[in-house]
């Protein structure tokens, strides 16, 4: 959990730096306006003020994020990891298949494997085509997550790429929601593709 906390702070470092400049500059500007000769002291006090504000917000904001992410991971039977911070969360697997198996067959099998799962709950299917599947997940997540699966076949191998990200693409942090979706769905996606391949092989 400590490593996750550190990753959250690093993720928000740019925003915190901007906050230091904004708050520090505002305070220094007011002080210089009152006494133009005291600009050195004004800059120093402004910088210290900006750093203090950023530190308070960093601790409070990251603590809330860590607590929410830990709860989220626990609900999905996962152990919180720093991997949960970067967005989007991605994974790729390669599965042996019977030559002739189509990406559409595998995509259909994946959708049928994911839809019955109680969590994360699939609220809507927004894309279902030849080798492409996109769903919106909600339920016990802190915000809606877009989960996308892309499947390509090459002879006797299927390559499956997955990514999970907040539905609101401007989000920088999502309290581990996207990571929880990816980590929960990933084994089911792999098993669905493998089962389809095994079933096809058994039928020949």
C-alpha atoms as a PDB file:
ATOM      1  CA  UNK A   1       0.000   0.000   0.000  1.00  0.00           C
ATOM      2  CA  UNK A   2       2.914   2.377   0.745  1.00  0.00           C
ATOM      3  CA  UNK A   3       4.308   1.792  -2.738  1.00  0.00           C
ATOM      4  CA  UNK A   4       0.887   2.566  -4.225  1.00  0.00           C
ATOM      5  CA  UNK A   5       0.766   5.786  -2.198  1.00  0.00           C
ATOM      6  CA  UNK A   6       4.155   6.843  -3.573  1.00  0.00           C
ATOM      7  CA  UNK A   7       3.015   6.098  -7.116  1.00  0.00           C
ATOM      8  CA  UNK A   8      -0.091   8.249  -6.612  1.00  0.00           C
ATOM      9  CA  UNK A   9       2.008  11.209  -5.457  1.00  0.00           C
ATOM     10  CA  UNK A  10       4.389  10.802  -8.407  1.00  0.00           C
ATOM     11  CA  UNK A  11       1.413  10.671 -10.774  1.00  0.00           C
ATOM     12  CA  UNK A  12       0.140  13.974  -9.433  1.00  0.00           C
ATOM     13  CA  UNK A  13       3.549  15.663  -9.271  1.00  0.00           C
ATOM     14  CA  UNK A  14       2.952  17.901 -12.295  1.00  0.00           C
ATOM     15  CA  UNK A  15      -0.330  19.163 -10.895  1.00  0.00           C
ATOM     16  CA  UNK A  16       1.240  19.793  -7.512  1.00  0.00           C
ATOM     17  CA  UNK A  17       4.095  21.735  -9.090  1.00  0.00           C
ATOM     18  CA  UNK A  18       1.590  23.901 -10.948  1.00  0.00           C
ATOM     19  CA  UNK A  19      -0.235  24.478  -7.669  1.00  0.00           C
ATOM     20  CA  UNK A  20       2.990  25.622  -5.973  1.00  0.00           C
ATOM     21  CA  UNK A  21       3.578  28.138  -8.762  1.00  0.00           C
ATOM     22  CA  UNK A  22      -0.034  29.360  -8.754  1.00  0.00           C
ATOM     23  CA  UNK A  23      -0.436  29.768  -4.986  1.00  0.00           C
ATOM     24  CA  UNK A  24       3.101  30.991  -4.400  1.00  0.00           C
ATOM     25  CA  UNK A  25       2.878  33.474  -7.249  1.00  0.00           C
ATOM     26  CA  UNK A  26      -0.451  34.808  -6.050  1.00  0.00           C
ATOM     27  CA  UNK A  27       0.794  35.378  -2.525  1.00  0.00           C
ATOM     28  CA  UNK A  28       4.071  36.906  -3.689  1.00  0.00           C
ATOM     29  CA  UNK A  29       2.164  39.204  -6.029  1.00  0.00           C
ATOM     30  CA  UNK A  30      -0.018  40.504  -3.213  1.00  0.00           C
ATOM     31  CA  UNK A  31       2.994  41.128  -0.981  1.00  0.00           C
ATOM     32  CA  UNK A  32       4.937  42.921  -3.724  1.00  0.00           C
ATOM     33  CA  UNK A  33       1.873  45.026  -4.457  1.00  0.00           C
ATOM     34  CA  UNK A  34       1.906  46.182  -0.829  1.00  0.00           C
ATOM     35  CA  UNK A  35       5.670  46.786  -0.748  1.00  0.00           C
ATOM     36  CA  UNK A  36       7.576  46.677  -4.027  1.00  0.00           C
ATOM     37  CA  UNK A  37      10.950  46.816  -2.255  1.00  0.00           C
ATOM     38  CA  UNK A  38      10.361  43.562  -0.408  1.00  0.00           C
ATOM     39  CA  UNK A  39      10.200  41.343  -3.497  1.00  0.00           C
ATOM     40  CA  UNK A  40      12.901  38.902  -2.292  1.00  0.00           C
ATOM     41  CA  UNK A  41      11.061  38.180   0.949  1.00  0.00           C
ATOM     42  CA  UNK A  42       7.779  38.056  -0.968  1.00  0.00           C
ATOM     43  CA  UNK A  43       9.085  35.418  -3.369  1.00  0.00           C
ATOM     44  CA  UNK A  44      10.474  33.345  -0.501  1.00  0.00           C
ATOM     45  CA  UNK A  45       7.260  33.493   1.530  1.00  0.00           C
ATOM     46  CA  UNK A  46       5.183  32.874  -1.577  1.00  0.00           C
ATOM     47  CA  UNK A  47       7.210  29.779  -2.421  1.00  0.00           C
ATOM     48  CA  UNK A  48       6.917  28.457   1.134  1.00  0.00           C
ATOM     49  CA  UNK A  49       3.176  29.099   1.096  1.00  0.00           C
ATOM     50  CA  UNK A  50       2.772  27.294  -2.212  1.00  0.00           C
ATOM     51  CA  UNK A  51       4.776  24.327  -0.961  1.00  0.00           C
ATOM     52  CA  UNK A  52       2.708  24.154   2.225  1.00  0.00           C
ATOM     53  CA  UNK A  53      -0.579  24.180   0.294  1.00  0.00           C
ATOM     54  CA  UNK A  54       0.679  21.530  -2.137  1.00  0.00           C
ATOM     55  CA  UNK A  55       1.919  19.324   0.721  1.00  0.00           C
ATOM     56  CA  UNK A  56      -1.411  19.467   2.532  1.00  0.00           C
ATOM     57  CA  UNK A  57      -3.368  18.669  -0.629  1.00  0.00           C
ATOM     58  CA  UNK A  58      -0.917  15.911  -1.608  1.00  0.00           C
ATOM     59  CA  UNK A  59      -1.264  14.151   1.738  1.00  0.00           C
ATOM     60  CA  UNK A  60      -5.027  14.590   1.999  1.00  0.00           C
ATOM     61  CA  UNK A  61      -5.771  13.772  -1.633  1.00  0.00           C
ATOM     62  CA  UNK A  62      -3.451  10.788  -1.882  1.00  0.00           C
ATOM     63  CA  UNK A  63      -4.653   9.383   1.455  1.00  0.00           C
ATOM     64  CA  UNK A  64      -8.246   9.467   0.222  1.00  0.00           C
ATOM     65  CA  UNK A  65      -7.213   7.859  -3.070  1.00  0.00           C
ATOM     66  CA  UNK A  66      -5.261   5.088  -1.322  1.00  0.00           C
ATOM     67  CA  UNK A  67      -8.139   4.326   1.041  1.00  0.00           C
ATOM     68  CA  UNK A  68     -10.651   4.144  -1.809  1.00  0.00           C
ATOM     69  CA  UNK A  69      -8.311   2.038  -3.961  1.00  0.00           C
ATOM     70  CA  UNK A  70      -7.615  -0.388  -1.098  1.00  0.00           C
ATOM     71  CA  UNK A  71     -11.346  -0.866  -0.558  1.00  0.00           C
ATOM     72  CA  UNK A  72     -11.853  -1.357  -4.290  1.00  0.00           C
ATOM     73  CA  UNK A  73      -9.114  -3.969  -4.525  1.00  0.00           C
ATOM     74  CA  UNK A  74     -10.438  -5.805  -1.464  1.00  0.00           C
ATOM     75  CA  UNK A  75     -13.943  -5.974  -2.943  1.00  0.00           C
ATOM     76  CA  UNK A  76     -12.532  -7.683  -6.024  1.00  0.00           C
ATOM     77  CA  UNK A  77     -10.246 -10.031  -4.084  1.00  0.00           C
ATOM     78  CA  UNK A  78      -7.067  -8.239  -5.165  1.00  0.00           C
ATOM     79  CA  UNK A  79      -4.008  -6.878  -3.390  1.00  0.00           C
ATOM     80  CA  UNK A  80      -3.355  -3.221  -4.172  1.00  0.00           C
ATOM     81  CA  UNK A  81      -0.286  -2.624  -6.321  1.00  0.00           C
ATOM     82  CA  UNK A  82       1.502   0.427  -7.818  1.00  0.00           C
ATOM     83  CA  UNK A  83       0.427  -0.995 -11.198  1.00  0.00           C
ATOM     84  CA  UNK A  84      -3.047   0.310 -10.374  1.00  0.00           C
ATOM     85  CA  UNK A  85      -1.962   3.953 -10.755  1.00  0.00           C
ATOM     86  CA  UNK A  86      -0.964   4.458 -14.440  1.00  0.00           C
ATOM     87  CA  UNK A  87      -3.820   4.806 -16.918  1.00  0.00           C
ATOM     88  CA  UNK A  88      -4.829   3.084 -19.083  1.00  0.00           C
ATOM     89  CA  UNK A  89      -4.225  -0.354 -17.553  1.00  0.00           C
ATOM     90  CA  UNK A  90      -3.185  -2.791 -20.280  1.00  0.00           C
ATOM     91  CA  UNK A  91      -2.404  -6.468 -20.770  1.00  0.00           C
ATOM     92  CA  UNK A  92      -1.673  -8.814 -23.664  1.00  0.00           C
ATOM     93  CA  UNK A  93      -1.864 -12.585 -23.895  1.00  0.00           C
ATOM     94  CA  UNK A  94      -1.234 -15.107 -26.662  1.00  0.00           C
ATOM     95  CA  UNK A  95      -3.248 -18.294 -26.792  1.00  0.00           C
ATOM     96  CA  UNK A  96      -2.810 -21.295 -29.134  1.00  0.00           C
ATOM     97  CA  UNK A  97      -5.915 -21.937 -31.266  1.00  0.00           C
ATOM     98  CA  UNK A  98      -7.046 -24.281 -33.987  1.00  0.00           C
ATOM     99  CA  UNK A  99      -6.237 -22.891 -37.441  1.00  0.00           C
ATOM    100  CA  UNK A 100      -9.425 -21.530 -38.955  1.00  0.00           C
ATOM    101  CA  UNK A 101     -10.859 -20.208 -35.695  1.00  0.00           C
ATOM    102  CA  UNK A 102     -12.128 -16.689 -36.339  1.00  0.00           C
ATOM    103  CA  UNK A 103     -11.662 -13.605 -34.220  1.00  0.00           C
ATOM    104  CA  UNK A 104     -15.448 -13.198 -34.180  1.00  0.00           C
ATOM    105  CA  UNK A 105     -15.904 -16.621 -32.548  1.00  0.00           C
ATOM    106  CA  UNK A 106     -13.369 -15.743 -29.873  1.00  0.00           C
ATOM    107  CA  UNK A 107     -14.890 -12.310 -29.258  1.00  0.00           C
ATOM    108  CA  UNK A 108     -18.336 -13.847 -28.868  1.00  0.00           C
ATOM    109  CA  UNK A 109     -16.976 -16.365 -26.384  1.00  0.00           C
ATOM    110  CA  UNK A 110     -15.286 -13.599 -24.363  1.00  0.00           C
ATOM    111  CA  UNK A 111     -18.490 -11.558 -24.176  1.00  0.00           C
ATOM    112  CA  UNK A 112     -20.476 -14.554 -22.952  1.00  0.00           C
ATOM    113  CA  UNK A 113     -17.814 -15.254 -20.311  1.00  0.00           C
ATOM    114  CA  UNK A 114     -17.811 -11.704 -18.946  1.00  0.00           C
ATOM    115  CA  UNK A 115     -21.510 -10.802 -18.949  1.00  0.00           C
ATOM    116  CA  UNK A 116     -22.594 -13.161 -16.114  1.00  0.00           C
ATOM    117  CA  UNK A 117     -19.904 -11.926 -13.704  1.00  0.00           C
ATOM    118  CA  UNK A 118     -21.434 -10.071 -10.738  1.00  0.00           C
ATOM    119  CA  UNK A 119     -18.459  -7.714 -10.428  1.00  0.00           C
ATOM    120  CA  UNK A 120     -17.359  -5.708 -12.236  1.00  0.00           C
ATOM    121  CA  UNK A 121     -20.894  -5.352 -13.562  1.00  0.00           C
ATOM    122  CA  UNK A 122     -21.204  -4.770 -17.317  1.00  0.00           C
ATOM    123  CA  UNK A 123     -23.712  -1.971 -17.753  1.00  0.00           C
ATOM    124  CA  UNK A 124     -23.504  -1.633 -21.511  1.00  0.00           C
ATOM    125  CA  UNK A 125     -21.869  -3.193 -24.565  1.00  0.00           C
ATOM    126  CA  UNK A 126     -20.780  -0.325 -26.816  1.00  0.00           C
ATOM    127  CA  UNK A 127     -18.839  -2.291 -29.434  1.00  0.00           C
ATOM    128  CA  UNK A 128     -19.030  -5.874 -30.629  1.00  0.00           C
ATOM    129  CA  UNK A 129     -17.490  -6.572 -34.009  1.00  0.00           C
ATOM    130  CA  UNK A 130     -15.036  -8.959 -35.628  1.00  0.00           C
ATOM    131  CA  UNK A 131     -12.310  -9.129 -32.985  1.00  0.00           C
ATOM    132  CA  UNK A 132     -13.299  -5.955 -31.107  1.00  0.00           C
ATOM    133  CA  UNK A 133     -15.286  -5.773 -27.879  1.00  0.00           C
ATOM    134  CA  UNK A 134     -15.883  -2.717 -25.694  1.00  0.00           C
ATOM    135  CA  UNK A 135     -18.013  -2.659 -22.548  1.00  0.00           C
ATOM    136  CA  UNK A 136     -18.782  -0.082 -19.862  1.00  0.00           C
ATOM    137  CA  UNK A 137     -18.495  -1.387 -16.297  1.00  0.00           C
ATOM    138  CA  UNK A 138     -20.039   0.074 -13.163  1.00  0.00           C
ATOM    139  CA  UNK A 139     -21.293  -1.650 -10.023  1.00  0.00           C
ATOM    140  CA  UNK A 140     -18.854  -1.458  -7.102  1.00  0.00           C
ATOM    141  CA  UNK A 141     -16.433   0.818  -8.971  1.00  0.00           C
ATOM    142  CA  UNK A 142     -15.812   4.428  -7.967  1.00  0.00           C
ATOM    143  CA  UNK A 143     -16.556   5.542 -11.532  1.00  0.00           C
ATOM    144  CA  UNK A 144     -17.539   3.994 -14.893  1.00  0.00           C
ATOM    145  CA  UNK A 145     -14.715   2.092 -16.612  1.00  0.00           C
ATOM    146  CA  UNK A 146     -14.359   1.370 -20.320  1.00  0.00           C
ATOM    147  CA  UNK A 147     -12.919  -2.109 -20.933  1.00  0.00           C
ATOM    148  CA  UNK A 148     -11.758  -2.937 -24.451  1.00  0.00           C
ATOM    149  CA  UNK A 149     -10.660  -6.279 -25.894  1.00  0.00           C
ATOM    150  CA  UNK A 150      -9.008  -6.665 -29.287  1.00  0.00           C
ATOM    151  CA  UNK A 151      -8.414 -10.130 -30.746  1.00  0.00           C
ATOM    152  CA  UNK A 152      -6.366 -10.998 -33.815  1.00  0.00           C
ATOM    153  CA  UNK A 153      -5.638 -14.458 -35.161  1.00  0.00           C
ATOM    154  CA  UNK A 154      -2.547 -15.608 -37.014  1.00  0.00           C
ATOM    155  CA  UNK A 155      -2.571 -19.262 -37.983  1.00  0.00           C
ATOM    156  CA  UNK A 156      -2.582 -21.220 -34.745  1.00  0.00           C
ATOM    157  CA  UNK A 157      -2.243 -18.260 -32.346  1.00  0.00           C
ATOM    158  CA  UNK A 158      -4.657 -15.657 -31.048  1.00  0.00           C
ATOM    159  CA  UNK A 159      -3.278 -12.399 -29.696  1.00  0.00           C
ATOM    160  CA  UNK A 160      -5.567 -10.732 -27.182  1.00  0.00           C
ATOM    161  CA  UNK A 161      -4.925  -7.172 -26.031  1.00  0.00           C
ATOM    162  CA  UNK A 162      -6.941  -5.589 -23.237  1.00  0.00           C
ATOM    163  CA  UNK A 163      -7.111  -2.103 -21.847  1.00  0.00           C
ATOM    164  CA  UNK A 164      -9.191  -0.522 -19.113  1.00  0.00           C
ATOM    165  CA  UNK A 165      -9.543   3.201 -18.531  1.00  0.00           C
ATOM    166  CA  UNK A 166     -12.088   5.590 -17.027  1.00  0.00           C
ATOM    167  CA  UNK A 167     -15.039   6.377 -19.267  1.00  0.00           C
ATOM    168  CA  UNK A 168     -14.162  10.027 -18.586  1.00  0.00           C
ATOM    169  CA  UNK A 169     -10.872  10.042 -20.498  1.00  0.00           C
ATOM    170  CA  UNK A 170      -9.596  13.211 -18.786  1.00  0.00           C
ATOM    171  CA  UNK A 171      -9.251  11.376 -15.462  1.00  0.00           C
ATOM    172  CA  UNK A 172      -5.651  11.084 -14.236  1.00  0.00           C
ATOM    173  CA  UNK A 173      -6.468   8.850 -11.236  1.00  0.00           C
ATOM    174  CA  UNK A 174      -9.446   6.557 -10.709  1.00  0.00           C
ATOM    175  CA  UNK A 175      -8.791   4.949  -7.298  1.00  0.00           C
ATOM    176  CA  UNK A 176      -7.758   1.685  -8.937  1.00  0.00           C
ATOM    177  CA  UNK A 177     -11.092   1.110 -10.709  1.00  0.00           C
ATOM    178  CA  UNK A 178      -9.581   0.437 -14.148  1.00  0.00           C
ATOM    179  CA  UNK A 179      -6.906  -1.830 -12.679  1.00  0.00           C
ATOM    180  CA  UNK A 180      -9.516  -3.830 -10.781  1.00  0.00           C
ATOM    181  CA  UNK A 181     -11.555  -4.303 -13.951  1.00  0.00           C
ATOM    182  CA  UNK A 182      -8.517  -5.450 -15.927  1.00  0.00           C
ATOM    183  CA  UNK A 183      -7.200  -7.803 -13.256  1.00  0.00           C
ATOM    184  CA  UNK A 184     -10.629  -9.324 -12.641  1.00  0.00           C
ATOM    185  CA  UNK A 185     -11.507  -9.794 -16.315  1.00  0.00           C
ATOM    186  CA  UNK A 186      -8.093 -10.871 -17.610  1.00  0.00           C
ATOM    187  CA  UNK A 187      -8.201 -14.536 -16.475  1.00  0.00           C
ATOM    188  CA  UNK A 188     -11.785 -14.920 -17.736  1.00  0.00           C
ATOM    189  CA  UNK A 189     -10.823 -13.533 -21.129  1.00  0.00           C
ATOM    190  CA  UNK A 190      -7.866 -15.907 -21.367  1.00  0.00           C
ATOM    191  CA  UNK A 191      -9.955 -18.888 -20.284  1.00  0.00           C
ATOM    192  CA  UNK A 192     -12.737 -18.021 -22.735  1.00  0.00           C
ATOM    193  CA  UNK A 193     -10.308 -17.934 -25.666  1.00  0.00           C
ATOM    194  CA  UNK A 194      -8.637 -21.149 -24.526  1.00  0.00           C
ATOM    195  CA  UNK A 195     -11.987 -22.905 -24.023  1.00  0.00           C
ATOM    196  CA  UNK A 196     -13.112 -21.867 -27.508  1.00  0.00           C
ATOM    197  CA  UNK A 197      -9.898 -23.267 -28.969  1.00  0.00           C
ATOM    198  CA  UNK A 198     -10.195 -26.499 -26.971  1.00  0.00           C
ATOM    199  CA  UNK A 199     -13.837 -26.889 -27.960  1.00  0.00           C
ATOM    200  CA  UNK A 200     -13.029 -26.338 -31.594  1.00  0.00           C
ATOM    201  CA  UNK A 201     -10.205 -28.840 -31.430  1.00  0.00           C
ATOM    202  CA  UNK A 202     -12.429 -31.414 -29.754  1.00  0.00           C
ATOM    203  CA  UNK A 203     -14.998 -31.048 -32.500  1.00  0.00           C
ATOM    204  CA  UNK A 204     -12.567 -31.929 -35.255  1.00  0.00           C
END
